[in-house]
Amino acid sequence: MHQIEYTNKPSITTLKAAIKKAVAKGETWMQFIWGENQITIERTPYGWTGYGWIGRNGGQDLADELQRARQNLAEHLQRTAHEQQRGKA
């Protein structure tokens, strides 16, 4: 569980950096709170999902971006491994 409470409205850059840091630590549930506004992002068996809003930043939008980034990384690693195998053959 990873929870951050902000006293000032967090920017999209601040939220993305906090998500990146939490995921790097292996967190699967995170919540960002600013006053009465909050965003919750969690890993489910179907991928990342999010809900809530802080300003114009939506939890599901951030979760979708995180999911895409993770998929792009997995595809890159798979492609690199395949290229290395072809080079050894």
N, C-alpha and C. Protein backbone atom coordinates (compact mmCIF):
# COMPACT_ATOMS: atom_id res chain seq x y z
N MET A 1 0.85 -1.18 0.00
CA MET A 1 0.00 0.00 0.00
C MET A 1 0.89 1.24 0.00
N HIS A 2 0.58 2.13 -0.86
CA HIS A 2 1.36 3.36 -0.99
C HIS A 2 0.36 4.52 -1.01
N GLN A 3 0.50 5.44 -0.07
CA GLN A 3 -0.43 6.56 0.02
C GLN A 3 0.35 7.85 0.23
N ILE A 4 0.00 8.85 -0.56
CA ILE A 4 0.62 10.17 -0.44
C ILE A 4 -0.50 11.20 -0.32
N GLU A 5 -0.35 12.08 0.66
CA GLU A 5 -1.31 13.17 0.83
C GLU A 5 -0.58 14.47 0.50
N TYR A 6 -1.13 15.22 -0.42
CA TYR A 6 -0.54 16.48 -0.87
C TYR A 6 -1.24 17.66 -0.21
N THR A 7 -0.45 18.67 0.15
CA THR A 7 -1.04 19.90 0.68
C THR A 7 -1.32 20.89 -0.46
N ASN A 8 -0.51 20.82 -1.52
CA ASN A 8 -0.73 21.62 -2.72
C ASN A 8 -1.17 20.69 -3.84
N LYS A 9 -1.95 21.21 -4.75
CA LYS A 9 -2.45 20.41 -5.87
C LYS A 9 -1.27 19.85 -6.67
N PRO A 10 -1.18 18.51 -6.80
CA PRO A 10 -0.07 17.93 -7.54
C PRO A 10 -0.28 18.06 -9.06
N SER A 11 0.80 18.32 -9.75
CA SER A 11 0.74 18.40 -11.21
C SER A 11 0.74 16.98 -11.78
N ILE A 12 0.46 16.87 -13.06
CA ILE A 12 0.49 15.57 -13.72
C ILE A 12 1.90 14.99 -13.65
N THR A 13 2.91 15.82 -13.76
CA THR A 13 4.29 15.36 -13.68
C THR A 13 4.58 14.79 -12.29
N THR A 14 4.11 15.46 -11.26
CA THR A 14 4.30 14.98 -9.89
C THR A 14 3.61 13.64 -9.68
N LEU A 15 2.39 13.51 -10.18
CA LEU A 15 1.66 12.25 -10.03
C LEU A 15 2.35 11.11 -10.77
N LYS A 16 2.79 11.37 -12.00
CA LYS A 16 3.47 10.33 -12.77
C LYS A 16 4.77 9.90 -12.10
N ALA A 17 5.51 10.85 -11.55
CA ALA A 17 6.75 10.51 -10.85
C ALA A 17 6.47 9.66 -9.61
N ALA A 18 5.41 9.99 -8.89
CA ALA A 18 5.05 9.22 -7.69
C ALA A 18 4.61 7.81 -8.07
N ILE A 19 3.88 7.68 -9.17
CA ILE A 19 3.45 6.36 -9.64
C ILE A 19 4.66 5.54 -10.04
N LYS A 20 5.55 6.14 -10.80
CA LYS A 20 6.76 5.44 -11.26
C LYS A 20 7.58 4.95 -10.06
N LYS A 21 7.74 5.78 -9.08
CA LYS A 21 8.50 5.42 -7.88
C LYS A 21 7.82 4.27 -7.12
N ALA A 22 6.51 4.35 -6.97
CA ALA A 22 5.77 3.30 -6.25
C ALA A 22 5.86 1.96 -6.99
N VAL A 23 5.70 1.99 -8.31
CA VAL A 23 5.76 0.76 -9.10
C VAL A 23 7.17 0.16 -9.03
N ALA A 24 8.19 1.01 -9.04
CA ALA A 24 9.57 0.53 -8.93
C ALA A 24 9.81 -0.18 -7.60
N LYS A 25 9.08 0.23 -6.58
CA LYS A 25 9.19 -0.41 -5.26
C LYS A 25 8.37 -1.70 -5.18
N GLY A 26 7.59 -1.98 -6.21
CA GLY A 26 6.76 -3.17 -6.23
C GLY A 26 5.36 -2.98 -5.68
N GLU A 27 4.95 -1.73 -5.50
CA GLU A 27 3.61 -1.46 -4.98
C GLU A 27 2.56 -1.84 -6.01
N THR A 28 1.45 -2.40 -5.55
CA THR A 28 0.35 -2.78 -6.44
C THR A 28 -0.92 -2.00 -6.13
N TRP A 29 -0.88 -1.16 -5.11
CA TRP A 29 -2.02 -0.32 -4.75
C TRP A 29 -1.47 1.02 -4.30
N MET A 30 -1.96 2.10 -4.87
CA MET A 30 -1.47 3.42 -4.49
C MET A 30 -2.61 4.42 -4.50
N GLN A 31 -2.53 5.37 -3.59
CA GLN A 31 -3.57 6.39 -3.48
C GLN A 31 -2.91 7.75 -3.29
N PHE A 32 -3.41 8.72 -4.02
CA PHE A 32 -2.91 10.08 -3.97
C PHE A 32 -4.07 10.98 -3.57
N ILE A 33 -3.87 11.75 -2.52
CA ILE A 33 -4.95 12.54 -1.94
C ILE A 33 -4.57 14.02 -1.93
N TRP A 34 -5.52 14.85 -2.33
CA TRP A 34 -5.36 16.30 -2.23
C TRP A 34 -6.70 16.84 -1.77
N GLY A 35 -6.78 17.20 -0.49
CA GLY A 35 -8.05 17.66 0.07
C GLY A 35 -9.09 16.56 -0.01
N GLU A 36 -10.25 16.87 -0.60
CA GLU A 36 -11.29 15.86 -0.76
C GLU A 36 -11.13 15.06 -2.04
N ASN A 37 -10.17 15.42 -2.86
CA ASN A 37 -9.94 14.74 -4.14
C ASN A 37 -8.91 13.62 -3.96
N GLN A 38 -9.15 12.54 -4.68
CA GLN A 38 -8.17 11.46 -4.60
C GLN A 38 -8.16 10.63 -5.87
N ILE A 39 -7.03 10.00 -6.09
CA ILE A 39 -6.86 9.06 -7.19
C ILE A 39 -6.34 7.77 -6.58
N THR A 40 -6.95 6.67 -6.96
CA THR A 40 -6.49 5.36 -6.52
C THR A 40 -6.14 4.55 -7.76
N ILE A 41 -4.97 3.92 -7.74
CA ILE A 41 -4.53 3.06 -8.83
C ILE A 41 -4.13 1.73 -8.23
N GLU A 42 -4.62 0.64 -8.84
CA GLU A 42 -4.28 -0.68 -8.33
C GLU A 42 -4.08 -1.67 -9.46
N ARG A 43 -3.28 -2.67 -9.17
CA ARG A 43 -3.05 -3.74 -10.14
C ARG A 43 -4.08 -4.83 -9.87
N THR A 44 -4.78 -5.22 -10.91
CA THR A 44 -5.76 -6.29 -10.83
C THR A 44 -5.28 -7.44 -11.72
N PRO A 45 -5.96 -8.57 -11.70
CA PRO A 45 -5.58 -9.66 -12.61
C PRO A 45 -5.67 -9.25 -14.09
N TYR A 46 -6.38 -8.17 -14.37
CA TYR A 46 -6.57 -7.72 -15.75
C TYR A 46 -5.67 -6.55 -16.14
N GLY A 47 -4.80 -6.14 -15.25
CA GLY A 47 -3.91 -5.01 -15.51
C GLY A 47 -4.13 -3.91 -14.49
N TRP A 48 -3.68 -2.72 -14.81
CA TRP A 48 -3.80 -1.59 -13.91
C TRP A 48 -5.15 -0.91 -14.11
N THR A 49 -5.78 -0.53 -13.02
CA THR A 49 -7.04 0.20 -13.08
C THR A 49 -6.97 1.38 -12.12
N GLY A 50 -7.69 2.42 -12.43
CA GLY A 50 -7.66 3.60 -11.58
C GLY A 50 -9.01 4.28 -11.53
N TYR A 51 -9.21 5.02 -10.47
CA TYR A 51 -10.44 5.79 -10.35
C TYR A 51 -10.19 7.02 -9.49
N GLY A 52 -11.09 7.97 -9.60
CA GLY A 52 -10.96 9.23 -8.89
C GLY A 52 -10.31 10.30 -9.75
N TRP A 53 -10.33 11.51 -9.23
CA TRP A 53 -9.80 12.66 -9.96
C TRP A 53 -9.07 13.60 -9.01
N ILE A 54 -8.03 14.22 -9.53
CA ILE A 54 -7.42 15.39 -8.90
C ILE A 54 -7.28 16.41 -10.03
N GLY A 55 -8.08 17.45 -9.96
CA GLY A 55 -8.10 18.43 -11.04
C GLY A 55 -8.55 17.76 -12.33
N ARG A 56 -7.78 17.91 -13.37
CA ARG A 56 -8.11 17.29 -14.66
C ARG A 56 -7.49 15.91 -14.83
N ASN A 57 -6.78 15.44 -13.82
CA ASN A 57 -6.08 14.17 -13.90
C ASN A 57 -6.95 13.04 -13.37
N GLY A 58 -7.29 12.10 -14.24
CA GLY A 58 -8.14 10.98 -13.86
C GLY A 58 -7.34 9.74 -13.54
N GLY A 59 -7.81 8.99 -12.58
CA GLY A 59 -7.14 7.76 -12.18
C GLY A 59 -7.03 6.75 -13.31
N GLN A 60 -8.12 6.56 -14.08
CA GLN A 60 -8.06 5.57 -15.16
C GLN A 60 -7.12 6.02 -16.27
N ASP A 61 -7.05 7.31 -16.55
CA ASP A 61 -6.10 7.81 -17.56
C ASP A 61 -4.67 7.49 -17.14
N LEU A 62 -4.35 7.72 -15.88
CA LEU A 62 -3.00 7.43 -15.38
C LEU A 62 -2.73 5.93 -15.39
N ALA A 63 -3.74 5.12 -15.03
CA ALA A 63 -3.58 3.66 -15.04
C ALA A 63 -3.37 3.16 -16.47
N ASP A 64 -4.11 3.71 -17.42
CA ASP A 64 -3.95 3.32 -18.83
C ASP A 64 -2.54 3.64 -19.32
N GLU A 65 -2.04 4.80 -18.95
CA GLU A 65 -0.69 5.19 -19.35
C GLU A 65 0.34 4.26 -18.73
N LEU A 66 0.15 3.90 -17.47
CA LEU A 66 1.04 2.96 -16.80
C LEU A 66 0.99 1.61 -17.49
N GLN A 67 -0.19 1.14 -17.83
CA GLN A 67 -0.35 -0.15 -18.51
C GLN A 67 0.37 -0.15 -19.86
N ARG A 68 0.22 0.94 -20.63
CA ARG A 68 0.89 1.04 -21.93
C ARG A 68 2.41 1.04 -21.76
N ALA A 69 2.90 1.76 -20.77
CA ALA A 69 4.34 1.81 -20.53
C ALA A 69 4.88 0.43 -20.18
N ARG A 70 4.16 -0.31 -19.34
CA ARG A 70 4.58 -1.66 -18.94
C ARG A 70 4.55 -2.59 -20.15
N GLN A 71 3.54 -2.48 -21.00
CA GLN A 71 3.46 -3.33 -22.19
C GLN A 71 4.58 -3.01 -23.17
N ASN A 72 4.87 -1.72 -23.35
CA ASN A 72 5.96 -1.33 -24.25
C ASN A 72 7.29 -1.86 -23.75
N LEU A 73 7.52 -1.81 -22.44
CA LEU A 73 8.75 -2.34 -21.87
C LEU A 73 8.83 -3.85 -22.09
N ALA A 74 7.74 -4.57 -21.85
CA ALA A 74 7.73 -6.02 -22.04
C ALA A 74 8.00 -6.38 -23.50
N GLU A 75 7.40 -5.65 -24.43
CA GLU A 75 7.62 -5.91 -25.86
C GLU A 75 9.07 -5.63 -26.23
N HIS A 76 9.63 -4.56 -25.70
CA HIS A 76 11.03 -4.23 -25.97
C HIS A 76 11.96 -5.33 -25.46
N LEU A 77 11.72 -5.79 -24.25
CA LEU A 77 12.56 -6.85 -23.67
C LEU A 77 12.43 -8.15 -24.46
N GLN A 78 11.23 -8.46 -24.90
CA GLN A 78 11.00 -9.66 -25.68
C GLN A 78 11.71 -9.57 -27.04
N ARG A 79 11.61 -8.41 -27.66
CA ARG A 79 12.26 -8.19 -28.96
C ARG A 79 13.77 -8.29 -28.82
N THR A 80 14.33 -7.70 -27.76
CA THR A 80 15.77 -7.74 -27.52
C THR A 80 16.24 -9.17 -27.29
N ALA A 81 15.48 -9.93 -26.50
CA ALA A 81 15.85 -11.33 -26.24
C ALA A 81 15.82 -12.13 -27.53
N HIS A 82 14.82 -11.89 -28.38
CA HIS A 82 14.70 -12.60 -29.65
C HIS A 82 15.89 -12.26 -30.56
N GLU A 83 16.26 -11.00 -30.59
CA GLU A 83 17.39 -10.58 -31.42
C GLU A 83 18.70 -11.19 -30.92
N GLN A 84 18.84 -11.30 -29.62
CA GLN A 84 20.04 -11.91 -29.06
C GLN A 84 20.09 -13.40 -29.40
N GLN A 85 18.95 -14.07 -29.37
CA GLN A 85 18.90 -15.49 -29.71
C GLN A 85 19.26 -15.69 -31.19
N ARG A 86 18.77 -14.82 -32.05
CA ARG A 86 19.09 -14.93 -33.47
C ARG A 86 20.56 -14.72 -33.70
N GLY A 87 21.17 -13.85 -32.93
CA GLY A 87 22.62 -13.59 -33.08
C GLY A 87 23.47 -14.76 -32.63
N LYS A 88 22.96 -15.58 -31.72
CA LYS A 88 23.71 -16.73 -31.21
C LYS A 88 23.55 -17.96 -32.10
N ALA A 89 22.51 -17.96 -32.93
CA ALA A 89 22.22 -19.16 -33.74
C ALA A 89 23.16 -19.31 -34.91
